[in-house]
């Protein structure tokens, strides 16, 4: 009986619950929700833009810059003026050589001057000339006239100095020269071949002989 009471007392101390006490159910362990798998989002592969190759720059060869040609002085220095035409002749052999060096087109005319009588003249005009005409006299050194020379040369732009050789058909050995040059700037149509040199020799005058009738 004593053992039974002890057991009842122990049971009352540890297992008995008062009637007015609220019973709190022992918490039941909550079942954890099953872990949801996150959907795997597949990333679209990023397309790389093709790299455009820059066109190789062509190497431009540097060319030597031409020297600027100085503007011609107007009116030309050292020239004489007559009827709107400026004219001059080389004053020395050195000046003539400088002209020939700068103008290769005159080389053929220079060769002709080794055989025939010739001279050089430089001309310029305010306005453009279609052609240049030179009328001159060919004489011996003692002043005896040999003939007339009519020369036609190509024209030139206004305010530009042009250089021309006038060539006669008189042989160089005859010791003659060309002088009394009349220069004409032709501004209209040109009649005649360019270039040309026409030499007209002097016709000797025929002496008149008076004839008398013999008396009959």
C-alpha atoms as a PDB file:
ATOM      1  CA  UNK A   1       0.000   0.000   0.000  1.00  0.00           C
ATOM      2  CA  UNK A   2       2.852   2.359   0.766  1.00  0.00           C
ATOM      3  CA  UNK A   3       4.425   1.623  -2.526  1.00  0.00           C
ATOM      4  CA  UNK A   4       1.151   2.318  -4.284  1.00  0.00           C
ATOM      5  CA  UNK A   5       0.785   5.725  -2.595  1.00  0.00           C
ATOM      6  CA  UNK A   6       4.271   6.713  -3.486  1.00  0.00           C
ATOM      7  CA  UNK A   7       3.547   5.873  -7.049  1.00  0.00           C
ATOM      8  CA  UNK A   8       0.288   7.855  -6.926  1.00  0.00           C
ATOM      9  CA  UNK A   9       2.027  10.828  -5.384  1.00  0.00           C
ATOM     10  CA  UNK A  10       4.728  10.754  -8.014  1.00  0.00           C
ATOM     11  CA  UNK A  11       2.072  10.410 -10.665  1.00  0.00           C
ATOM     12  CA  UNK A  12       0.182  13.401  -9.256  1.00  0.00           C
ATOM     13  CA  UNK A  13       3.317  15.506  -9.127  1.00  0.00           C
ATOM     14  CA  UNK A  14       4.395  14.766 -12.698  1.00  0.00           C
ATOM     15  CA  UNK A  15       1.348  13.600 -14.653  1.00  0.00           C
ATOM     16  CA  UNK A  16      -1.778  15.005 -12.995  1.00  0.00           C
ATOM     17  CA  UNK A  17      -3.233  18.178 -14.506  1.00  0.00           C
ATOM     18  CA  UNK A  18      -5.709  20.464 -12.633  1.00  0.00           C
ATOM     19  CA  UNK A  19      -9.265  20.489 -13.996  1.00  0.00           C
ATOM     20  CA  UNK A  20      -9.434  24.216 -14.487  1.00  0.00           C
ATOM     21  CA  UNK A  21      -6.111  24.501 -16.241  1.00  0.00           C
ATOM     22  CA  UNK A  22      -6.053  24.961 -19.979  1.00  0.00           C
ATOM     23  CA  UNK A  23      -4.476  22.219 -21.717  1.00  0.00           C
ATOM     24  CA  UNK A  24      -1.947  23.332 -24.305  1.00  0.00           C
ATOM     25  CA  UNK A  25      -1.424  20.740 -26.873  1.00  0.00           C
ATOM     26  CA  UNK A  26       2.176  20.069 -27.383  1.00  0.00           C
ATOM     27  CA  UNK A  27       3.309  21.664 -30.549  1.00  0.00           C
ATOM     28  CA  UNK A  28       3.487  19.262 -33.295  1.00  0.00           C
ATOM     29  CA  UNK A  29       6.464  19.714 -35.450  1.00  0.00           C
ATOM     30  CA  UNK A  30       5.462  21.445 -38.627  1.00  0.00           C
ATOM     31  CA  UNK A  31       6.248  19.648 -41.701  1.00  0.00           C
ATOM     32  CA  UNK A  32       8.538  21.840 -43.782  1.00  0.00           C
ATOM     33  CA  UNK A  33       7.160  22.587 -47.181  1.00  0.00           C
ATOM     34  CA  UNK A  34       8.988  20.801 -49.835  1.00  0.00           C
ATOM     35  CA  UNK A  35      11.568  23.081 -51.407  1.00  0.00           C
ATOM     36  CA  UNK A  36      10.354  24.271 -54.766  1.00  0.00           C
ATOM     37  CA  UNK A  37      12.938  24.212 -57.497  1.00  0.00           C
ATOM     38  CA  UNK A  38      13.431  27.563 -59.128  1.00  0.00           C
ATOM     39  CA  UNK A  39      12.973  27.341 -62.852  1.00  0.00           C
ATOM     40  CA  UNK A  40      16.264  27.621 -64.622  1.00  0.00           C
ATOM     41  CA  UNK A  41      16.154  30.536 -67.051  1.00  0.00           C
ATOM     42  CA  UNK A  42      18.340  29.858 -69.974  1.00  0.00           C
ATOM     43  CA  UNK A  43      20.087  33.029 -71.106  1.00  0.00           C
ATOM     44  CA  UNK A  44      20.157  33.623 -74.777  1.00  0.00           C
ATOM     45  CA  UNK A  45      23.691  33.684 -76.085  1.00  0.00           C
ATOM     46  CA  UNK A  46      24.785  37.217 -76.835  1.00  0.00           C
ATOM     47  CA  UNK A  47      25.686  37.573 -80.440  1.00  0.00           C
ATOM     48  CA  UNK A  48      28.851  39.538 -80.837  1.00  0.00           C
ATOM     49  CA  UNK A  49      28.719  42.181 -83.502  1.00  0.00           C
ATOM     50  CA  UNK A  50      31.266  41.548 -86.200  1.00  0.00           C
ATOM     51  CA  UNK A  51      34.127  43.952 -85.865  1.00  0.00           C
ATOM     52  CA  UNK A  52      34.430  46.043 -88.975  1.00  0.00           C
ATOM     53  CA  UNK A  53      37.977  46.375 -90.073  1.00  0.00           C
ATOM     54  CA  UNK A  54      38.945  49.893 -90.845  1.00  0.00           C
ATOM     55  CA  UNK A  55      40.040  50.336 -94.388  1.00  0.00           C
ATOM     56  CA  UNK A  56      43.725  50.924 -94.570  1.00  0.00           C
ATOM     57  CA  UNK A  57      44.480  54.480 -95.539  1.00  0.00           C
ATOM     58  CA  UNK A  58      46.309  54.770 -98.784  1.00  0.00           C
ATOM     59  CA  UNK A  59      49.573  56.523 -98.421  1.00  0.00           C
ATOM     60  CA  UNK A  60      49.601  59.595-100.572  1.00  0.00           C
ATOM     61  CA  UNK A  61      52.976  60.416-101.893  1.00  0.00           C
ATOM     62  CA  UNK A  62      53.866  63.970-101.297  1.00  0.00           C
ATOM     63  CA  UNK A  63      54.851  65.688-104.466  1.00  0.00           C
ATOM     64  CA  UNK A  64      57.064  68.680-104.559  1.00  0.00           C
ATOM     65  CA  UNK A  65      55.082  71.872-104.714  1.00  0.00           C
ATOM     66  CA  UNK A  66      55.812  73.882-107.835  1.00  0.00           C
ATOM     67  CA  UNK A  67      57.439  77.195-107.276  1.00  0.00           C
ATOM     68  CA  UNK A  68      54.964  80.020-107.757  1.00  0.00           C
ATOM     69  CA  UNK A  69      55.562  81.926-110.966  1.00  0.00           C
ATOM     70  CA  UNK A  70      55.935  85.606-110.200  1.00  0.00           C
ATOM     71  CA  UNK A  71      53.365  87.829-111.830  1.00  0.00           C
ATOM     72  CA  UNK A  72      54.637  89.728-114.816  1.00  0.00           C
ATOM     73  CA  UNK A  73      55.230  93.389-114.219  1.00  0.00           C
ATOM     74  CA  UNK A  74      52.959  95.584-116.302  1.00  0.00           C
ATOM     75  CA  UNK A  75      53.831  97.616-118.210  1.00  0.00           C
ATOM     76  CA  UNK A  76      57.073  95.745-118.951  1.00  0.00           C
ATOM     77  CA  UNK A  77      60.182  97.586-117.869  1.00  0.00           C
ATOM     78  CA  UNK A  78      62.625  98.816-120.489  1.00  0.00           C
ATOM     79  CA  UNK A  79      60.088  98.576-123.336  1.00  0.00           C
ATOM     80  CA  UNK A  80      59.155 101.343-125.755  1.00  0.00           C
ATOM     81  CA  UNK A  81      55.519 102.210-126.423  1.00  0.00           C
ATOM     82  CA  UNK A  82      54.036 102.954-129.829  1.00  0.00           C
ATOM     83  CA  UNK A  83      50.333 102.875-130.761  1.00  0.00           C
ATOM     84  CA  UNK A  84      49.445 100.732-127.719  1.00  0.00           C
ATOM     85  CA  UNK A  85      52.216  98.181-128.413  1.00  0.00           C
ATOM     86  CA  UNK A  86      55.224  97.653-126.159  1.00  0.00           C
ATOM     87  CA  UNK A  87      58.357  96.441-127.944  1.00  0.00           C
ATOM     88  CA  UNK A  88      62.004  95.772-127.186  1.00  0.00           C
ATOM     89  CA  UNK A  89      65.017  93.891-128.538  1.00  0.00           C
ATOM     90  CA  UNK A  90      67.693  92.072-126.536  1.00  0.00           C
ATOM     91  CA  UNK A  91      70.370  94.593-125.659  1.00  0.00           C
ATOM     92  CA  UNK A  92      73.264  92.154-125.272  1.00  0.00           C
ATOM     93  CA  UNK A  93      74.358  88.617-126.120  1.00  0.00           C
ATOM     94  CA  UNK A  94      73.884  87.627-122.455  1.00  0.00           C
ATOM     95  CA  UNK A  95      70.247  88.761-122.522  1.00  0.00           C
ATOM     96  CA  UNK A  96      69.675  86.780-125.725  1.00  0.00           C
ATOM     97  CA  UNK A  97      71.136  83.622-124.153  1.00  0.00           C
ATOM     98  CA  UNK A  98      68.835  84.026-121.134  1.00  0.00           C
ATOM     99  CA  UNK A  99      65.832  84.252-123.438  1.00  0.00           C
ATOM    100  CA  UNK A 100      66.806  81.126-125.346  1.00  0.00           C
ATOM    101  CA  UNK A 101      67.406  79.193-122.127  1.00  0.00           C
ATOM    102  CA  UNK A 102      63.924  80.004-120.792  1.00  0.00           C
ATOM    103  CA  UNK A 103      62.084  79.361-124.078  1.00  0.00           C
ATOM    104  CA  UNK A 104      62.863  75.977-125.672  1.00  0.00           C
ATOM    105  CA  UNK A 105      60.454  76.698-128.546  1.00  0.00           C
ATOM    106  CA  UNK A 106      62.938  79.241-129.900  1.00  0.00           C
ATOM    107  CA  UNK A 107      65.693  76.642-130.380  1.00  0.00           C
ATOM    108  CA  UNK A 108      64.618  75.821-133.973  1.00  0.00           C
ATOM    109  CA  UNK A 109      64.603  79.502-134.880  1.00  0.00           C
ATOM    110  CA  UNK A 110      68.097  79.873-133.466  1.00  0.00           C
ATOM    111  CA  UNK A 111      69.326  77.102-135.771  1.00  0.00           C
ATOM    112  CA  UNK A 112      67.902  78.989-138.772  1.00  0.00           C
ATOM    113  CA  UNK A 113      69.806  82.090-137.683  1.00  0.00           C
ATOM    114  CA  UNK A 114      73.074  80.210-138.283  1.00  0.00           C
ATOM    115  CA  UNK A 115      72.273  80.232-141.996  1.00  0.00           C
ATOM    116  CA  UNK A 116      70.114  83.304-142.595  1.00  0.00           C
ATOM    117  CA  UNK A 117      69.974  86.904-141.428  1.00  0.00           C
ATOM    118  CA  UNK A 118      67.616  87.247-138.479  1.00  0.00           C
ATOM    119  CA  UNK A 119      66.793  89.358-135.441  1.00  0.00           C
ATOM    120  CA  UNK A 120      64.882  89.014-132.187  1.00  0.00           C
ATOM    121  CA  UNK A 121      62.024  91.172-130.988  1.00  0.00           C
ATOM    122  CA  UNK A 122      59.853  91.147-127.856  1.00  0.00           C
ATOM    123  CA  UNK A 123      56.328  92.564-127.971  1.00  0.00           C
ATOM    124  CA  UNK A 124      53.302  92.944-125.681  1.00  0.00           C
ATOM    125  CA  UNK A 125      49.855  94.513-125.861  1.00  0.00           C
ATOM    126  CA  UNK A 126      47.112  95.490-123.427  1.00  0.00           C
ATOM    127  CA  UNK A 127      44.617  93.340-125.346  1.00  0.00           C
ATOM    128  CA  UNK A 128      44.806  89.856-126.834  1.00  0.00           C
ATOM    129  CA  UNK A 129      46.327  89.578-130.313  1.00  0.00           C
ATOM    130  CA  UNK A 130      45.152  86.907-132.773  1.00  0.00           C
ATOM    131  CA  UNK A 131      48.527  87.169-134.494  1.00  0.00           C
ATOM    132  CA  UNK A 132      51.556  89.429-134.760  1.00  0.00           C
ATOM    133  CA  UNK A 133      52.730  90.899-138.060  1.00  0.00           C
ATOM    134  CA  UNK A 134      56.187  92.395-138.505  1.00  0.00           C
ATOM    135  CA  UNK A 135      57.165  94.368-141.590  1.00  0.00           C
ATOM    136  CA  UNK A 136      60.861  95.156-141.787  1.00  0.00           C
ATOM    137  CA  UNK A 137      63.685  96.120-144.135  1.00  0.00           C
ATOM    138  CA  UNK A 138      66.682  93.972-144.945  1.00  0.00           C
ATOM    139  CA  UNK A 139      69.708  96.142-145.731  1.00  0.00           C
ATOM    140  CA  UNK A 140      73.448  95.808-146.024  1.00  0.00           C
ATOM    141  CA  UNK A 141      75.679  97.329-143.374  1.00  0.00           C
ATOM    142  CA  UNK A 142      76.373 100.289-145.633  1.00  0.00           C
ATOM    143  CA  UNK A 143      72.632 101.002-145.940  1.00  0.00           C
ATOM    144  CA  UNK A 144      71.910  99.493-149.317  1.00  0.00           C
ATOM    145  CA  UNK A 145      68.351  98.022-149.380  1.00  0.00           C
ATOM    146  CA  UNK A 146      68.075  94.357-150.236  1.00  0.00           C
ATOM    147  CA  UNK A 147      64.353  93.780-149.770  1.00  0.00           C
ATOM    148  CA  UNK A 148      61.327  93.743-147.492  1.00  0.00           C
ATOM    149  CA  UNK A 149      60.507  91.067-144.948  1.00  0.00           C
ATOM    150  CA  UNK A 150      56.922  90.319-143.887  1.00  0.00           C
ATOM    151  CA  UNK A 151      56.681  87.950-140.896  1.00  0.00           C
ATOM    152  CA  UNK A 152      53.583  86.413-139.309  1.00  0.00           C
ATOM    153  CA  UNK A 153      53.707  84.880-135.810  1.00  0.00           C
ATOM    154  CA  UNK A 154      51.150  83.340-133.470  1.00  0.00           C
ATOM    155  CA  UNK A 155      49.232  85.666-131.184  1.00  0.00           C
ATOM    156  CA  UNK A 156      49.496  86.162-127.443  1.00  0.00           C
ATOM    157  CA  UNK A 157      47.284  87.027-124.483  1.00  0.00           C
ATOM    158  CA  UNK A 158      46.975  90.575-123.242  1.00  0.00           C
ATOM    159  CA  UNK A 159      49.740  91.899-120.975  1.00  0.00           C
ATOM    160  CA  UNK A 160      52.006  88.962-121.843  1.00  0.00           C
ATOM    161  CA  UNK A 161      55.478  89.530-123.297  1.00  0.00           C
ATOM    162  CA  UNK A 162      56.108  87.343-126.373  1.00  0.00           C
ATOM    163  CA  UNK A 163      59.506  86.729-127.977  1.00  0.00           C
ATOM    164  CA  UNK A 164      59.921  86.147-131.725  1.00  0.00           C
ATOM    165  CA  UNK A 165      62.736  85.590-134.220  1.00  0.00           C
ATOM    166  CA  UNK A 166      62.364  87.323-137.587  1.00  0.00           C
ATOM    167  CA  UNK A 167      64.190  85.296-140.252  1.00  0.00           C
ATOM    168  CA  UNK A 168      65.001  86.507-143.746  1.00  0.00           C
ATOM    169  CA  UNK A 169      66.176  84.447-146.713  1.00  0.00           C
ATOM    170  CA  UNK A 170      69.276  86.563-147.049  1.00  0.00           C
ATOM    171  CA  UNK A 171      72.395  84.424-146.470  1.00  0.00           C
ATOM    172  CA  UNK A 172      74.387  85.236-143.388  1.00  0.00           C
ATOM    173  CA  UNK A 173      77.577  85.699-145.422  1.00  0.00           C
ATOM    174  CA  UNK A 174      76.211  88.816-147.137  1.00  0.00           C
ATOM    175  CA  UNK A 175      76.766  90.956-144.025  1.00  0.00           C
ATOM    176  CA  UNK A 176      73.258  92.389-143.918  1.00  0.00           C
ATOM    177  CA  UNK A 177      70.783  93.145-141.129  1.00  0.00           C
ATOM    178  CA  UNK A 178      67.096  93.640-140.388  1.00  0.00           C
ATOM    179  CA  UNK A 179      65.890  97.031-139.203  1.00  0.00           C
ATOM    180  CA  UNK A 180      63.014  99.515-139.393  1.00  0.00           C
ATOM    181  CA  UNK A 181      60.558  96.996-137.932  1.00  0.00           C
ATOM    182  CA  UNK A 182      56.862  97.934-137.974  1.00  0.00           C
ATOM    183  CA  UNK A 183      54.830  95.831-135.511  1.00  0.00           C
ATOM    184  CA  UNK A 184      51.082  95.178-135.847  1.00  0.00           C
ATOM    185  CA  UNK A 185      48.845  93.410-133.342  1.00  0.00           C
ATOM    186  CA  UNK A 186      46.135  91.676-135.404  1.00  0.00           C
ATOM    187  CA  UNK A 187      42.909  91.409-133.418  1.00  0.00           C
ATOM    188  CA  UNK A 188      40.653  90.085-136.172  1.00  0.00           C
ATOM    189  CA  UNK A 189      40.898  87.201-138.648  1.00  0.00           C
ATOM    190  CA  UNK A 190      44.392  86.302-139.821  1.00  0.00           C
ATOM    191  CA  UNK A 191      45.245  85.950-143.508  1.00  0.00           C
ATOM    192  CA  UNK A 192      48.354  83.910-144.220  1.00  0.00           C
ATOM    193  CA  UNK A 193      50.297  80.996-142.785  1.00  0.00           C
ATOM    194  CA  UNK A 194      51.578  81.122-139.192  1.00  0.00           C
ATOM    195  CA  UNK A 195      54.523  81.150-138.772  1.00  0.00           C
ATOM    196  CA  UNK A 196      55.838  82.518-142.059  1.00  0.00           C
ATOM    197  CA  UNK A 197      58.559  84.846-143.353  1.00  0.00           C
ATOM    198  CA  UNK A 198      58.142  86.319-146.822  1.00  0.00           C
ATOM    199  CA  UNK A 199      61.194  88.029-148.276  1.00  0.00           C
ATOM    200  CA  UNK A 200      60.547  90.360-151.183  1.00  0.00           C
ATOM    201  CA  UNK A 201      63.816  91.379-152.844  1.00  0.00           C
ATOM    202  CA  UNK A 202      64.267  94.876-154.205  1.00  0.00           C
ATOM    203  CA  UNK A 203      63.748  95.012-157.951  1.00  0.00           C
ATOM    204  CA  UNK A 204      66.455  97.133-159.559  1.00  0.00           C
ATOM    205  CA  UNK A 205      65.078 100.024-161.511  1.00  0.00           C
ATOM    206  CA  UNK A 206      65.421  99.646-165.243  1.00  0.00           C
ATOM    207  CA  UNK A 207      67.088 102.713-166.679  1.00  0.00           C
ATOM    208  CA  UNK A 208      65.040 104.352-169.389  1.00  0.00           C
ATOM    209  CA  UNK A 209      66.805 104.728-172.746  1.00  0.00           C
ATOM    210  CA  UNK A 210      65.528 107.407-175.015  1.00  0.00           C
ATOM    211  CA  UNK A 211      65.576 106.343-178.636  1.00  0.00           C
ATOM    212  CA  UNK A 212      65.662 108.795-181.470  1.00  0.00           C
ATOM    213  CA  UNK A 213      64.474 108.135-184.957  1.00  0.00           C
ATOM    214  CA  UNK A 214      67.139 108.689-187.516  1.00  0.00           C
ATOM    215  CA  UNK A 215      66.237 111.289-190.125  1.00  0.00           C
ATOM    216  CA  UNK A 216      65.093 109.959-193.374  1.00  0.00           C
END
